[in-house]
Amino acid sequence: MVRVIVNKVTSSIATIFGASVVAFVLLRVLPGDPARLIAGSLASDEAIAGVRRQLGLDQPLHVQYIRYITDFFTGDWGFSFSSGVPVKEILGSRFPATAELALYAFLFAFLSALVLALLATYREWPVVDGVVRALSSFGLGTPPFWFAILALIVFFEQFGLLPGPSGRLSSATTPPPLLTGFYTIDALVAGQFDILGEAIKHLILPVVSLGLVPFAFLVRLLRANLLEISSEPFIVVVRSKGIGRWLTHVRHALPNAFLPTLTASGLILAELLTGSVLVERIFTWPGVGALVVDSIKRQDFAVVQTFILLSASLYILVNLVVDILYGVIDPRTRIPTTEAR
């Protein structure tokens, strides 16, 4: 197990290096000059040259890259010239909104997939299984942005049951005292249950829109694995010992069918945490997705480069945790200590 973790960390370092190179090179081959964007279209050549020197863009590429990667790992992420504030501050103010949306979307997708996959494979119930397969097909074939627009038309425009594209709270509502950046948690801790209810209402449509595709993928994957495991001989042996069907299904079939779902869940969670641009745009959600798109348009190098490296690091961290959980859930994946030596 130790060797697996060491190998994973080594490959992770190489992945971070590759992501940093890609981010660094791609942003510099895009058309346009960020120095001219900062100085303005009417600025003189001397003023533009001064901005380039201030940004370090007049130095050789390898010097710029070394400075970029060093500053990132030392916590100096620079300033966003488009907003005039430090990158760490602007990302820190946007990330809680994306994280709250992503985590609730993941919980919705994961728990719904788990429950429905268990029900669809527990007994031979054609109706239940047919409904689950229909939902998974609908989810896989429905773009999140299209479903988000449709949900707004139905539940906001037509029936007025849920809030519209007004962000995390309505404009007339004051956010709860800042503690975690998650409005639902902060409002609950502060005892502001009216704000908690409003935050939940604003979360429902974007959470379902963002979690629909992950739910469809996870329920289809887990259902197929459960059907395969349920036909294995050891399940028959367990049932022959007098253990009930449901207990056998949950305690013995599910853990053996869960490993592929665990891997997919880790990747889905990491992807959701890095932001969903279209869903955030539709619901006016103040997350990092819209920020990064705007920064790319403005060639705001500091914001985009930092976001790409943070996203790569997040993917790597989630995958490392998943690999460790593999060893906890399935002892067959562990490497004996003598072999690790």
C-alpha atoms as a PDB file:
ATOM      1  CA  MET A   1       0.000   0.000   0.000  1.00  0.00           C
ATOM      2  CA  VAL A   2       2.890   2.338   0.824  1.00  0.00           C
ATOM      3  CA  ARG A   3       4.470   1.706  -2.560  1.00  0.00           C
ATOM      4  CA  VAL A   4       1.163   2.429  -4.300  1.00  0.00           C
ATOM      5  CA  ILE A   5       0.919   5.788  -2.530  1.00  0.00           C
ATOM      6  CA  VAL A   6       4.549   6.668  -3.316  1.00  0.00           C
ATOM      7  CA  ASN A   7       4.073   5.795  -6.994  1.00  0.00           C
ATOM      8  CA  LYS A   8       0.861   7.818  -7.066  1.00  0.00           C
ATOM      9  CA  VAL A   9       2.527  10.866  -5.518  1.00  0.00           C
ATOM     10  CA  THR A  10       5.394  10.627  -8.013  1.00  0.00           C
ATOM     11  CA  SER A  11       3.040  10.480 -10.974  1.00  0.00           C
ATOM     12  CA  SER A  12       1.019  13.302  -9.447  1.00  0.00           C
ATOM     13  CA  ILE A  13       4.044  15.580  -9.399  1.00  0.00           C
ATOM     14  CA  ALA A  14       4.606  14.851 -13.084  1.00  0.00           C
ATOM     15  CA  THR A  15       0.941  15.600 -13.792  1.00  0.00           C
ATOM     16  CA  ILE A  16       1.138  18.947 -12.006  1.00  0.00           C
ATOM     17  CA  PHE A  17       4.267  19.805 -13.971  1.00  0.00           C
ATOM     18  CA  GLY A  18       2.535  18.944 -17.253  1.00  0.00           C
ATOM     19  CA  ALA A  19      -0.552  20.980 -16.342  1.00  0.00           C
ATOM     20  CA  SER A  20       1.604  23.978 -15.443  1.00  0.00           C
ATOM     21  CA  VAL A  21       3.447  23.803 -18.771  1.00  0.00           C
ATOM     22  CA  VAL A  22       0.204  23.531 -20.741  1.00  0.00           C
ATOM     23  CA  ALA A  23      -1.347  26.472 -18.884  1.00  0.00           C
ATOM     24  CA  PHE A  24       1.765  28.578 -19.280  1.00  0.00           C
ATOM     25  CA  VAL A  25       2.231  27.934 -23.002  1.00  0.00           C
ATOM     26  CA  LEU A  26      -1.405  28.078 -24.125  1.00  0.00           C
ATOM     27  CA  LEU A  27      -2.084  31.435 -22.517  1.00  0.00           C
ATOM     28  CA  ARG A  28       0.933  32.946 -24.236  1.00  0.00           C
ATOM     29  CA  VAL A  29       0.070  31.741 -27.725  1.00  0.00           C
ATOM     30  CA  LEU A  30      -3.425  33.226 -27.578  1.00  0.00           C
ATOM     31  CA  PRO A  31      -3.845  36.299 -29.801  1.00  0.00           C
ATOM     32  CA  GLY A  32      -3.661  39.666 -28.079  1.00  0.00           C
ATOM     33  CA  ASP A  33      -1.307  41.449 -25.717  1.00  0.00           C
ATOM     34  CA  PRO A  34      -2.295  41.630 -22.025  1.00  0.00           C
ATOM     35  CA  ALA A  35       0.014  44.611 -21.544  1.00  0.00           C
ATOM     36  CA  ARG A  36      -1.939  46.574 -24.147  1.00  0.00           C
ATOM     37  CA  LEU A  37      -5.211  45.535 -22.550  1.00  0.00           C
ATOM     38  CA  ILE A  38      -4.011  46.884 -19.204  1.00  0.00           C
ATOM     39  CA  ALA A  39      -2.509  50.092 -20.572  1.00  0.00           C
ATOM     40  CA  GLY A  40      -5.426  50.811 -22.885  1.00  0.00           C
ATOM     41  CA  SER A  41      -5.757  51.105 -26.637  1.00  0.00           C
ATOM     42  CA  LEU A  42      -4.523  54.714 -26.627  1.00  0.00           C
ATOM     43  CA  ALA A  43      -1.366  54.049 -24.585  1.00  0.00           C
ATOM     44  CA  SER A  44       2.029  54.790 -26.081  1.00  0.00           C
ATOM     45  CA  ASP A  45       4.609  52.131 -26.896  1.00  0.00           C
ATOM     46  CA  GLU A  46       6.692  53.288 -23.909  1.00  0.00           C
ATOM     47  CA  ALA A  47       3.748  52.846 -21.542  1.00  0.00           C
ATOM     48  CA  ILE A  48       3.029  49.366 -22.897  1.00  0.00           C
ATOM     49  CA  ALA A  49       6.698  48.418 -22.548  1.00  0.00           C
ATOM     50  CA  GLY A  50       6.598  49.591 -18.942  1.00  0.00           C
ATOM     51  CA  VAL A  51       3.578  47.379 -18.235  1.00  0.00           C
ATOM     52  CA  ARG A  52       5.344  44.440 -19.836  1.00  0.00           C
ATOM     53  CA  ARG A  53       8.353  44.979 -17.585  1.00  0.00           C
ATOM     54  CA  GLN A  54       6.083  45.236 -14.549  1.00  0.00           C
ATOM     55  CA  LEU A  55       4.384  41.930 -15.440  1.00  0.00           C
ATOM     56  CA  GLY A  56       7.697  40.263 -16.305  1.00  0.00           C
ATOM     57  CA  LEU A  57       6.539  39.593 -19.871  1.00  0.00           C
ATOM     58  CA  ASP A  58       9.755  41.049 -21.303  1.00  0.00           C
ATOM     59  CA  GLN A  59      11.823  38.219 -19.822  1.00  0.00           C
ATOM     60  CA  PRO A  60      12.625  34.904 -21.599  1.00  0.00           C
ATOM     61  CA  LEU A  61       9.907  32.270 -21.420  1.00  0.00           C
ATOM     62  CA  HIS A  62      11.886  29.889 -19.217  1.00  0.00           C
ATOM     63  CA  VAL A  63      12.498  32.691 -16.701  1.00  0.00           C
ATOM     64  CA  GLN A  64       8.769  33.535 -16.714  1.00  0.00           C
ATOM     65  CA  TYR A  65       7.870  29.875 -16.160  1.00  0.00           C
ATOM     66  CA  ILE A  66      10.286  29.424 -13.251  1.00  0.00           C
ATOM     67  CA  ARG A  67       8.908  32.547 -11.628  1.00  0.00           C
ATOM     68  CA  TYR A  68       5.343  31.393 -12.238  1.00  0.00           C
ATOM     69  CA  ILE A  69       5.769  27.917 -10.735  1.00  0.00           C
ATOM     70  CA  THR A  70       7.831  29.207  -7.809  1.00  0.00           C
ATOM     71  CA  ASP A  71       5.300  31.880  -6.938  1.00  0.00           C
ATOM     72  CA  PHE A  72       2.453  29.361  -7.070  1.00  0.00           C
ATOM     73  CA  PHE A  73       3.988  26.938  -4.575  1.00  0.00           C
ATOM     74  CA  THR A  74       5.072  29.740  -2.266  1.00  0.00           C
ATOM     75  CA  GLY A  75       1.541  31.133  -2.158  1.00  0.00           C
ATOM     76  CA  ASP A  76       2.243  34.285  -4.161  1.00  0.00           C
ATOM     77  CA  TRP A  77      -0.421  34.048  -6.853  1.00  0.00           C
ATOM     78  CA  GLY A  78      -0.095  37.616  -8.026  1.00  0.00           C
ATOM     79  CA  PHE A  79      -2.743  40.205  -8.851  1.00  0.00           C
ATOM     80  CA  SER A  80      -5.662  40.121 -11.235  1.00  0.00           C
ATOM     81  CA  PHE A  81      -5.149  43.152 -13.439  1.00  0.00           C
ATOM     82  CA  SER A  82      -8.786  43.028 -14.584  1.00  0.00           C
ATOM     83  CA  SER A  83     -10.134  43.441 -11.040  1.00  0.00           C
ATOM     84  CA  GLY A  84      -7.159  45.002  -9.253  1.00  0.00           C
ATOM     85  CA  VAL A  85      -7.209  42.546  -6.320  1.00  0.00           C
ATOM     86  CA  PRO A  86      -4.917  39.634  -5.391  1.00  0.00           C
ATOM     87  CA  VAL A  87      -5.728  36.345  -7.132  1.00  0.00           C
ATOM     88  CA  LYS A  88      -5.858  34.540  -3.797  1.00  0.00           C
ATOM     89  CA  GLU A  89      -8.510  36.967  -2.583  1.00  0.00           C
ATOM     90  CA  ILE A  90     -10.684  36.812  -5.699  1.00  0.00           C
ATOM     91  CA  LEU A  91     -10.540  33.006  -5.920  1.00  0.00           C
ATOM     92  CA  GLY A  92     -11.148  32.730  -2.188  1.00  0.00           C
ATOM     93  CA  SER A  93     -14.289  34.826  -2.496  1.00  0.00           C
ATOM     94  CA  ARG A  94     -15.631  32.797  -5.441  1.00  0.00           C
ATOM     95  CA  PHE A  95     -14.674  29.234  -4.533  1.00  0.00           C
ATOM     96  CA  PRO A  96     -17.114  28.709  -1.598  1.00  0.00           C
ATOM     97  CA  ALA A  97     -20.055  29.321  -3.938  1.00  0.00           C
ATOM     98  CA  THR A  98     -18.751  26.754  -6.429  1.00  0.00           C
ATOM     99  CA  ALA A  99     -17.844  24.293  -3.666  1.00  0.00           C
ATOM    100  CA  GLU A 100     -21.285  24.496  -2.053  1.00  0.00           C
ATOM    101  CA  LEU A 101     -23.028  23.939  -5.380  1.00  0.00           C
ATOM    102  CA  ALA A 102     -20.648  21.127  -6.368  1.00  0.00           C
ATOM    103  CA  LEU A 103     -20.844  19.228  -3.080  1.00  0.00           C
ATOM    104  CA  TYR A 104     -24.629  19.291  -2.960  1.00  0.00           C
ATOM    105  CA  ALA A 105     -24.795  18.268  -6.620  1.00  0.00           C
ATOM    106  CA  PHE A 106     -22.444  15.380  -5.880  1.00  0.00           C
ATOM    107  CA  LEU A 107     -24.471  14.279  -2.845  1.00  0.00           C
ATOM    108  CA  PHE A 108     -27.656  14.418  -4.901  1.00  0.00           C
ATOM    109  CA  ALA A 109     -26.093  12.352  -7.708  1.00  0.00           C
ATOM    110  CA  PHE A 110     -24.346   9.836  -5.452  1.00  0.00           C
ATOM    111  CA  LEU A 111     -27.136   9.161  -2.955  1.00  0.00           C
ATOM    112  CA  SER A 112     -29.837   9.020  -5.632  1.00  0.00           C
ATOM    113  CA  ALA A 113     -27.760   6.626  -7.723  1.00  0.00           C
ATOM    114  CA  LEU A 114     -27.014   4.423  -4.712  1.00  0.00           C
ATOM    115  CA  VAL A 115     -30.643   4.114  -3.590  1.00  0.00           C
ATOM    116  CA  LEU A 116     -32.119   3.605  -7.054  1.00  0.00           C
ATOM    117  CA  ALA A 117     -29.450   1.094  -8.116  1.00  0.00           C
ATOM    118  CA  LEU A 118     -30.102  -0.958  -4.983  1.00  0.00           C
ATOM    119  CA  LEU A 119     -33.867  -0.890  -5.541  1.00  0.00           C
ATOM    120  CA  ALA A 120     -33.534  -1.758  -9.236  1.00  0.00           C
ATOM    121  CA  THR A 121     -31.380  -4.839  -8.532  1.00  0.00           C
ATOM    122  CA  TYR A 122     -32.853  -6.010  -5.217  1.00  0.00           C
ATOM    123  CA  ARG A 123     -35.588  -8.096  -6.834  1.00  0.00           C
ATOM    124  CA  GLU A 124     -36.821  -8.674 -10.344  1.00  0.00           C
ATOM    125  CA  TRP A 125     -39.115  -5.664 -10.475  1.00  0.00           C
ATOM    126  CA  PRO A 126     -39.427  -4.750 -14.172  1.00  0.00           C
ATOM    127  CA  VAL A 127     -41.274  -1.505 -13.428  1.00  0.00           C
ATOM    128  CA  VAL A 128     -38.692  -0.188 -10.957  1.00  0.00           C
ATOM    129  CA  ASP A 129     -35.795  -1.294 -13.121  1.00  0.00           C
ATOM    130  CA  GLY A 130     -37.406   0.238 -16.194  1.00  0.00           C
ATOM    131  CA  VAL A 131     -37.887   3.579 -14.436  1.00  0.00           C
ATOM    132  CA  VAL A 132     -34.264   3.607 -13.284  1.00  0.00           C
ATOM    133  CA  ARG A 133     -32.963   2.803 -16.776  1.00  0.00           C
ATOM    134  CA  ALA A 134     -35.225   5.481 -18.270  1.00  0.00           C
ATOM    135  CA  LEU A 135     -33.921   8.074 -15.803  1.00  0.00           C
ATOM    136  CA  SER A 136     -30.318   7.145 -16.553  1.00  0.00           C
ATOM    137  CA  SER A 137     -30.905   7.377 -20.298  1.00  0.00           C
ATOM    138  CA  PHE A 138     -32.608  10.743 -19.885  1.00  0.00           C
ATOM    139  CA  GLY A 139     -29.756  12.052 -17.737  1.00  0.00           C
ATOM    140  CA  LEU A 140     -27.009  10.896 -20.070  1.00  0.00           C
ATOM    141  CA  GLY A 141     -28.775  12.360 -23.083  1.00  0.00           C
ATOM    142  CA  THR A 142     -29.649  15.727 -21.542  1.00  0.00           C
ATOM    143  CA  PRO A 143     -27.140  18.602 -21.587  1.00  0.00           C
ATOM    144  CA  PRO A 144     -27.035  20.289 -18.163  1.00  0.00           C
ATOM    145  CA  PHE A 145     -27.498  23.784 -19.582  1.00  0.00           C
ATOM    146  CA  TRP A 146     -30.614  22.695 -21.526  1.00  0.00           C
ATOM    147  CA  PHE A 147     -32.140  21.055 -18.462  1.00  0.00           C
ATOM    148  CA  ALA A 148     -31.304  24.159 -16.407  1.00  0.00           C
ATOM    149  CA  ILE A 149     -33.156  26.407 -18.855  1.00  0.00           C
ATOM    150  CA  LEU A 150     -36.116  24.006 -18.998  1.00  0.00           C
ATOM    151  CA  ALA A 151     -36.256  23.794 -15.200  1.00  0.00           C
ATOM    152  CA  LEU A 152     -36.282  27.579 -14.931  1.00  0.00           C
ATOM    153  CA  ILE A 153     -39.120  27.842 -17.449  1.00  0.00           C
ATOM    154  CA  VAL A 154     -41.229  25.238 -15.644  1.00  0.00           C
ATOM    155  CA  PHE A 155     -40.537  25.794 -11.942  1.00  0.00           C
ATOM    156  CA  PHE A 156     -39.831  29.536 -11.953  1.00  0.00           C
ATOM    157  CA  GLU A 157     -41.534  31.104 -14.945  1.00  0.00           C
ATOM    158  CA  GLN A 158     -44.669  28.949 -15.178  1.00  0.00           C
ATOM    159  CA  PHE A 159     -45.432  27.874 -11.603  1.00  0.00           C
ATOM    160  CA  GLY A 160     -43.252  30.163  -9.467  1.00  0.00           C
ATOM    161  CA  LEU A 161     -42.346  27.314  -7.128  1.00  0.00           C
ATOM    162  CA  LEU A 162     -38.603  27.989  -6.979  1.00  0.00           C
ATOM    163  CA  PRO A 163     -36.397  31.082  -7.302  1.00  0.00           C
ATOM    164  CA  GLY A 164     -35.085  32.226 -10.644  1.00  0.00           C
ATOM    165  CA  PRO A 165     -31.544  33.001 -11.776  1.00  0.00           C
ATOM    166  CA  SER A 166     -30.744  35.321  -8.864  1.00  0.00           C
ATOM    167  CA  GLY A 167     -27.593  33.668  -7.501  1.00  0.00           C
ATOM    168  CA  ARG A 168     -27.271  32.199  -4.026  1.00  0.00           C
ATOM    169  CA  LEU A 169     -29.864  34.475  -2.393  1.00  0.00           C
ATOM    170  CA  SER A 170     -32.329  37.074  -3.531  1.00  0.00           C
ATOM    171  CA  SER A 171     -31.002  40.611  -3.837  1.00  0.00           C
ATOM    172  CA  ALA A 172     -33.043  41.762  -0.838  1.00  0.00           C
ATOM    173  CA  THR A 173     -31.575  39.126   1.507  1.00  0.00           C
ATOM    174  CA  THR A 174     -28.433  39.749   3.538  1.00  0.00           C
ATOM    175  CA  PRO A 175     -26.020  36.787   3.560  1.00  0.00           C
ATOM    176  CA  PRO A 176     -25.460  35.049   6.907  1.00  0.00           C
ATOM    177  CA  PRO A 177     -22.356  35.831   8.994  1.00  0.00           C
ATOM    178  CA  LEU A 178     -19.294  34.454   7.218  1.00  0.00           C
ATOM    179  CA  LEU A 179     -17.994  31.245   8.787  1.00  0.00           C
ATOM    180  CA  THR A 180     -17.424  28.620   6.088  1.00  0.00           C
ATOM    181  CA  GLY A 181     -18.636  30.452   2.993  1.00  0.00           C
ATOM    182  CA  PHE A 182     -21.428  27.877   2.620  1.00  0.00           C
ATOM    183  CA  TYR A 183     -24.646  29.820   3.086  1.00  0.00           C
ATOM    184  CA  THR A 184     -26.581  26.758   4.229  1.00  0.00           C
ATOM    185  CA  ILE A 185     -24.062  25.922   6.966  1.00  0.00           C
ATOM    186  CA  ASP A 186     -23.455  29.533   8.009  1.00  0.00           C
ATOM    187  CA  ALA A 187     -27.184  30.246   8.257  1.00  0.00           C
ATOM    188  CA  LEU A 188     -27.763  27.047  10.248  1.00  0.00           C
ATOM    189  CA  VAL A 189     -24.967  27.853  12.709  1.00  0.00           C
ATOM    190  CA  ALA A 190     -26.254  31.417  13.101  1.00  0.00           C
ATOM    191  CA  GLY A 191     -29.795  30.170  13.663  1.00  0.00           C
ATOM    192  CA  GLN A 192     -31.097  32.164  10.686  1.00  0.00           C
ATOM    193  CA  PHE A 193     -33.528  29.555   9.455  1.00  0.00           C
ATOM    194  CA  ASP A 194     -35.316  31.906   7.070  1.00  0.00           C
ATOM    195  CA  ILE A 195     -32.039  32.495   5.217  1.00  0.00           C
ATOM    196  CA  LEU A 196     -31.313  28.757   5.389  1.00  0.00           C
ATOM    197  CA  GLY A 197     -34.618  27.996   3.698  1.00  0.00           C
ATOM    198  CA  GLU A 198     -34.011  30.578   1.009  1.00  0.00           C
ATOM    199  CA  ALA A 199     -30.475  29.288   0.368  1.00  0.00           C
ATOM    200  CA  ILE A 200     -31.840  25.750  -0.026  1.00  0.00           C
ATOM    201  CA  LYS A 201     -34.504  26.950  -2.465  1.00  0.00           C
ATOM    202  CA  HIS A 202     -31.865  28.709  -4.567  1.00  0.00           C
ATOM    203  CA  LEU A 203     -29.765  25.531  -4.577  1.00  0.00           C
ATOM    204  CA  ILE A 204     -32.429  23.074  -5.769  1.00  0.00           C
ATOM    205  CA  LEU A 205     -32.515  23.859  -9.494  1.00  0.00           C
ATOM    206  CA  PRO A 206     -28.764  24.345 -10.050  1.00  0.00           C
ATOM    207  CA  VAL A 207     -27.968  21.251  -7.950  1.00  0.00           C
ATOM    208  CA  VAL A 208     -30.332  19.016  -9.928  1.00  0.00           C
ATOM    209  CA  SER A 209     -29.172  20.515 -13.242  1.00  0.00           C
ATOM    210  CA  LEU A 210     -25.507  19.982 -12.379  1.00  0.00           C
ATOM    211  CA  GLY A 211     -25.972  16.564 -10.775  1.00  0.00           C
ATOM    212  CA  LEU A 212     -28.226  15.003 -13.416  1.00  0.00           C
ATOM    213  CA  VAL A 213     -25.482  13.673 -15.704  1.00  0.00           C
ATOM    214  CA  PRO A 214     -23.301  12.348 -12.828  1.00  0.00           C
ATOM    215  CA  PHE A 215     -26.387  10.660 -11.350  1.00  0.00           C
ATOM    216  CA  ALA A 216     -27.214   8.974 -14.657  1.00  0.00           C
ATOM    217  CA  PHE A 217     -23.661   7.719 -15.101  1.00  0.00           C
ATOM    218  CA  LEU A 218     -23.305   6.458 -11.517  1.00  0.00           C
ATOM    219  CA  VAL A 219     -26.693   4.690 -11.379  1.00  0.00           C
ATOM    220  CA  ARG A 220     -26.027   2.899 -14.657  1.00  0.00           C
ATOM    221  CA  LEU A 221     -22.535   1.863 -13.553  1.00  0.00           C
ATOM    222  CA  LEU A 222     -23.591   0.689 -10.105  1.00  0.00           C
ATOM    223  CA  ARG A 223     -26.671  -1.130 -11.417  1.00  0.00           C
ATOM    224  CA  ALA A 224     -24.600  -3.099 -13.938  1.00  0.00           C
ATOM    225  CA  ASN A 225     -22.022  -4.054 -11.301  1.00  0.00           C
ATOM    226  CA  LEU A 226     -24.687  -5.086  -8.800  1.00  0.00           C
ATOM    227  CA  LEU A 227     -26.388  -7.318 -11.370  1.00  0.00           C
ATOM    228  CA  GLU A 228     -23.069  -8.975 -12.146  1.00  0.00           C
ATOM    229  CA  ILE A 229     -22.110  -9.507  -8.507  1.00  0.00           C
ATOM    230  CA  SER A 230     -25.573 -10.760  -7.542  1.00  0.00           C
ATOM    231  CA  SER A 231     -25.138 -13.757  -9.834  1.00  0.00           C
ATOM    232  CA  GLU A 232     -21.822 -14.801  -8.274  1.00  0.00           C
ATOM    233  CA  PRO A 233     -21.686 -18.121  -6.385  1.00  0.00           C
ATOM    234  CA  PHE A 234     -20.668 -16.550  -3.067  1.00  0.00           C
ATOM    235  CA  ILE A 235     -23.983 -14.675  -2.970  1.00  0.00           C
ATOM    236  CA  VAL A 236     -25.810 -18.019  -3.190  1.00  0.00           C
ATOM    237  CA  VAL A 237     -23.644 -19.331  -0.336  1.00  0.00           C
ATOM    238  CA  VAL A 238     -24.461 -16.308   1.809  1.00  0.00           C
ATOM    239  CA  ARG A 239     -28.194 -16.732   1.144  1.00  0.00           C
ATOM    240  CA  SER A 240     -27.951 -20.444   2.002  1.00  0.00           C
ATOM    241  CA  LYS A 241     -26.790 -19.485   5.503  1.00  0.00           C
ATOM    242  CA  GLY A 242     -30.165 -17.931   6.179  1.00  0.00           C
ATOM    243  CA  ILE A 243     -29.186 -14.276   5.669  1.00  0.00           C
ATOM    244  CA  GLY A 244     -32.014 -12.185   4.264  1.00  0.00           C
ATOM    245  CA  ARG A 245     -32.079 -11.018   0.654  1.00  0.00           C
ATOM    246  CA  TRP A 246     -31.840  -7.289   1.441  1.00  0.00           C
ATOM    247  CA  LEU A 247     -29.042  -7.743   4.005  1.00  0.00           C
ATOM    248  CA  THR A 248     -27.136  -9.898   1.532  1.00  0.00           C
ATOM    249  CA  HIS A 249     -27.641  -7.330  -1.175  1.00  0.00           C
ATOM    250  CA  VAL A 250     -26.403  -4.426   0.933  1.00  0.00           C
ATOM    251  CA  ARG A 251     -23.700  -6.064   3.042  1.00  0.00           C
ATOM    252  CA  HIS A 252     -22.158  -8.457   0.516  1.00  0.00           C
ATOM    253  CA  ALA A 253     -23.114  -7.503  -3.029  1.00  0.00           C
ATOM    254  CA  LEU A 254     -22.804  -3.731  -2.684  1.00  0.00           C
ATOM    255  CA  PRO A 255     -19.214  -3.550  -1.319  1.00  0.00           C
ATOM    256  CA  ASN A 256     -17.975  -5.830  -4.110  1.00  0.00           C
ATOM    257  CA  ALA A 257     -19.776  -3.811  -6.772  1.00  0.00           C
ATOM    258  CA  PHE A 258     -18.796  -0.440  -5.350  1.00  0.00           C
ATOM    259  CA  LEU A 259     -15.136  -0.078  -6.376  1.00  0.00           C
ATOM    260  CA  PRO A 260     -15.705   1.125  -9.981  1.00  0.00           C
ATOM    261  CA  THR A 261     -18.350   3.517  -8.672  1.00  0.00           C
ATOM    262  CA  LEU A 262     -15.884   4.829  -6.097  1.00  0.00           C
ATOM    263  CA  THR A 263     -13.371   5.676  -8.817  1.00  0.00           C
ATOM    264  CA  ALA A 264     -15.983   7.403 -10.948  1.00  0.00           C
ATOM    265  CA  SER A 265     -17.322   9.284  -7.923  1.00  0.00           C
ATOM    266  CA  GLY A 266     -13.900  10.692  -7.134  1.00  0.00           C
ATOM    267  CA  LEU A 267     -13.414  11.984 -10.657  1.00  0.00           C
ATOM    268  CA  ILE A 268     -16.941  13.427 -10.752  1.00  0.00           C
ATOM    269  CA  LEU A 269     -16.464  15.233  -7.443  1.00  0.00           C
ATOM    270  CA  ALA A 270     -13.179  16.752  -8.593  1.00  0.00           C
ATOM    271  CA  GLU A 271     -14.761  17.855 -11.861  1.00  0.00           C
ATOM    272  CA  LEU A 272     -17.721  19.454 -10.111  1.00  0.00           C
ATOM    273  CA  LEU A 273     -15.443  21.309  -7.688  1.00  0.00           C
ATOM    274  CA  THR A 274     -13.557  22.933 -10.550  1.00  0.00           C
ATOM    275  CA  GLY A 275     -16.767  24.631 -11.601  1.00  0.00           C
ATOM    276  CA  SER A 276     -19.475  24.322 -14.195  1.00  0.00           C
ATOM    277  CA  VAL A 277     -19.430  27.407 -16.362  1.00  0.00           C
ATOM    278  CA  LEU A 278     -22.756  27.077 -18.186  1.00  0.00           C
ATOM    279  CA  VAL A 279     -24.859  26.163 -15.149  1.00  0.00           C
ATOM    280  CA  GLU A 280     -23.277  28.946 -13.117  1.00  0.00           C
ATOM    281  CA  ARG A 281     -23.953  31.400 -15.937  1.00  0.00           C
ATOM    282  CA  ILE A 282     -27.604  30.390 -16.281  1.00  0.00           C
ATOM    283  CA  PHE A 283     -28.342  30.729 -12.566  1.00  0.00           C
ATOM    284  CA  THR A 284     -26.081  33.796 -12.077  1.00  0.00           C
ATOM    285  CA  TRP A 285     -24.124  31.732  -9.573  1.00  0.00           C
ATOM    286  CA  PRO A 286     -21.078  33.709  -8.340  1.00  0.00           C
ATOM    287  CA  GLY A 287     -18.581  30.852  -8.647  1.00  0.00           C
ATOM    288  CA  VAL A 288     -15.174  30.376 -10.222  1.00  0.00           C
ATOM    289  CA  GLY A 289     -16.488  29.147 -13.585  1.00  0.00           C
ATOM    290  CA  ALA A 290     -17.656  32.520 -14.844  1.00  0.00           C
ATOM    291  CA  LEU A 291     -14.576  34.164 -13.339  1.00  0.00           C
ATOM    292  CA  VAL A 292     -12.184  31.945 -15.295  1.00  0.00           C
ATOM    293  CA  VAL A 293     -14.062  32.420 -18.579  1.00  0.00           C
ATOM    294  CA  ASP A 294     -13.915  36.196 -18.182  1.00  0.00           C
ATOM    295  CA  SER A 295     -10.232  35.986 -17.237  1.00  0.00           C
ATOM    296  CA  ILE A 296      -9.451  33.988 -20.385  1.00  0.00           C
ATOM    297  CA  LYS A 297     -11.143  36.623 -22.517  1.00  0.00           C
ATOM    298  CA  ARG A 298      -9.109  39.356 -20.832  1.00  0.00           C
ATOM    299  CA  GLN A 299      -5.895  37.265 -20.878  1.00  0.00           C
ATOM    300  CA  ASP A 300      -5.634  37.675 -17.127  1.00  0.00           C
ATOM    301  CA  PHE A 301      -2.714  35.250 -16.827  1.00  0.00           C
ATOM    302  CA  ALA A 302      -2.493  35.165 -13.040  1.00  0.00           C
ATOM    303  CA  VAL A 303      -6.111  34.052 -12.503  1.00  0.00           C
ATOM    304  CA  VAL A 304      -6.201  31.418 -15.246  1.00  0.00           C
ATOM    305  CA  GLN A 305      -2.804  29.893 -14.494  1.00  0.00           C
ATOM    306  CA  THR A 306      -3.565  29.645 -10.785  1.00  0.00           C
ATOM    307  CA  PHE A 307      -6.979  28.094 -11.428  1.00  0.00           C
ATOM    308  CA  ILE A 308      -5.547  25.461 -13.779  1.00  0.00           C
ATOM    309  CA  LEU A 309      -2.889  24.397 -11.291  1.00  0.00           C
ATOM    310  CA  LEU A 310      -5.379  24.373  -8.416  1.00  0.00           C
ATOM    311  CA  SER A 311      -7.752  22.219 -10.491  1.00  0.00           C
ATOM    312  CA  ALA A 312      -4.968  19.771 -11.375  1.00  0.00           C
ATOM    313  CA  SER A 313      -3.925  19.577  -7.714  1.00  0.00           C
ATOM    314  CA  LEU A 314      -7.522  18.950  -6.677  1.00  0.00           C
ATOM    315  CA  TYR A 315      -7.918  16.126  -9.192  1.00  0.00           C
ATOM    316  CA  ILE A 316      -4.705  14.545  -7.935  1.00  0.00           C
ATOM    317  CA  LEU A 317      -5.701  14.855  -4.278  1.00  0.00           C
ATOM    318  CA  VAL A 318      -9.105  13.270  -4.885  1.00  0.00           C
ATOM    319  CA  ASN A 319      -7.562  10.404  -6.856  1.00  0.00           C
ATOM    320  CA  LEU A 320      -5.034   9.793  -4.092  1.00  0.00           C
ATOM    321  CA  VAL A 321      -7.825   9.602  -1.515  1.00  0.00           C
ATOM    322  CA  VAL A 322      -9.726   7.188  -3.778  1.00  0.00           C
ATOM    323  CA  ASP A 323      -6.665   4.935  -4.074  1.00  0.00           C
ATOM    324  CA  ILE A 324      -6.325   4.841  -0.296  1.00  0.00           C
ATOM    325  CA  LEU A 325     -10.032   4.036   0.083  1.00  0.00           C
ATOM    326  CA  TYR A 326      -9.545   1.180  -2.363  1.00  0.00           C
ATOM    327  CA  GLY A 327      -7.202  -0.487   0.109  1.00  0.00           C
ATOM    328  CA  VAL A 328      -9.642   0.094   2.962  1.00  0.00           C
ATOM    329  CA  ILE A 329     -12.680  -1.289   1.126  1.00  0.00           C
ATOM    330  CA  ASP A 330     -10.996  -4.130  -0.773  1.00  0.00           C
ATOM    331  CA  PRO A 331      -7.989  -5.778   0.949  1.00  0.00           C
ATOM    332  CA  ARG A 332      -7.108  -7.513  -2.343  1.00  0.00           C
ATOM    333  CA  THR A 333      -5.749  -4.211  -3.659  1.00  0.00           C
ATOM    334  CA  ARG A 334      -3.242  -3.882  -0.838  1.00  0.00           C
ATOM    335  CA  ILE A 335       0.393  -4.749  -1.457  1.00  0.00           C
ATOM    336  CA  PRO A 336       1.919  -6.970   1.249  1.00  0.00           C
ATOM    337  CA  THR A 337       4.520  -5.306   3.438  1.00  0.00           C
ATOM    338  CA  THR A 338       7.212  -7.811   2.416  1.00  0.00           C
ATOM    339  CA  GLU A 339       6.619  -7.033  -1.247  1.00  0.00           C
ATOM    340  CA  ALA A 340       6.771  -3.285  -0.591  1.00  0.00           C
ATOM    341  CA  ARG A 341      10.224  -3.758   0.931  1.00  0.00           C
END
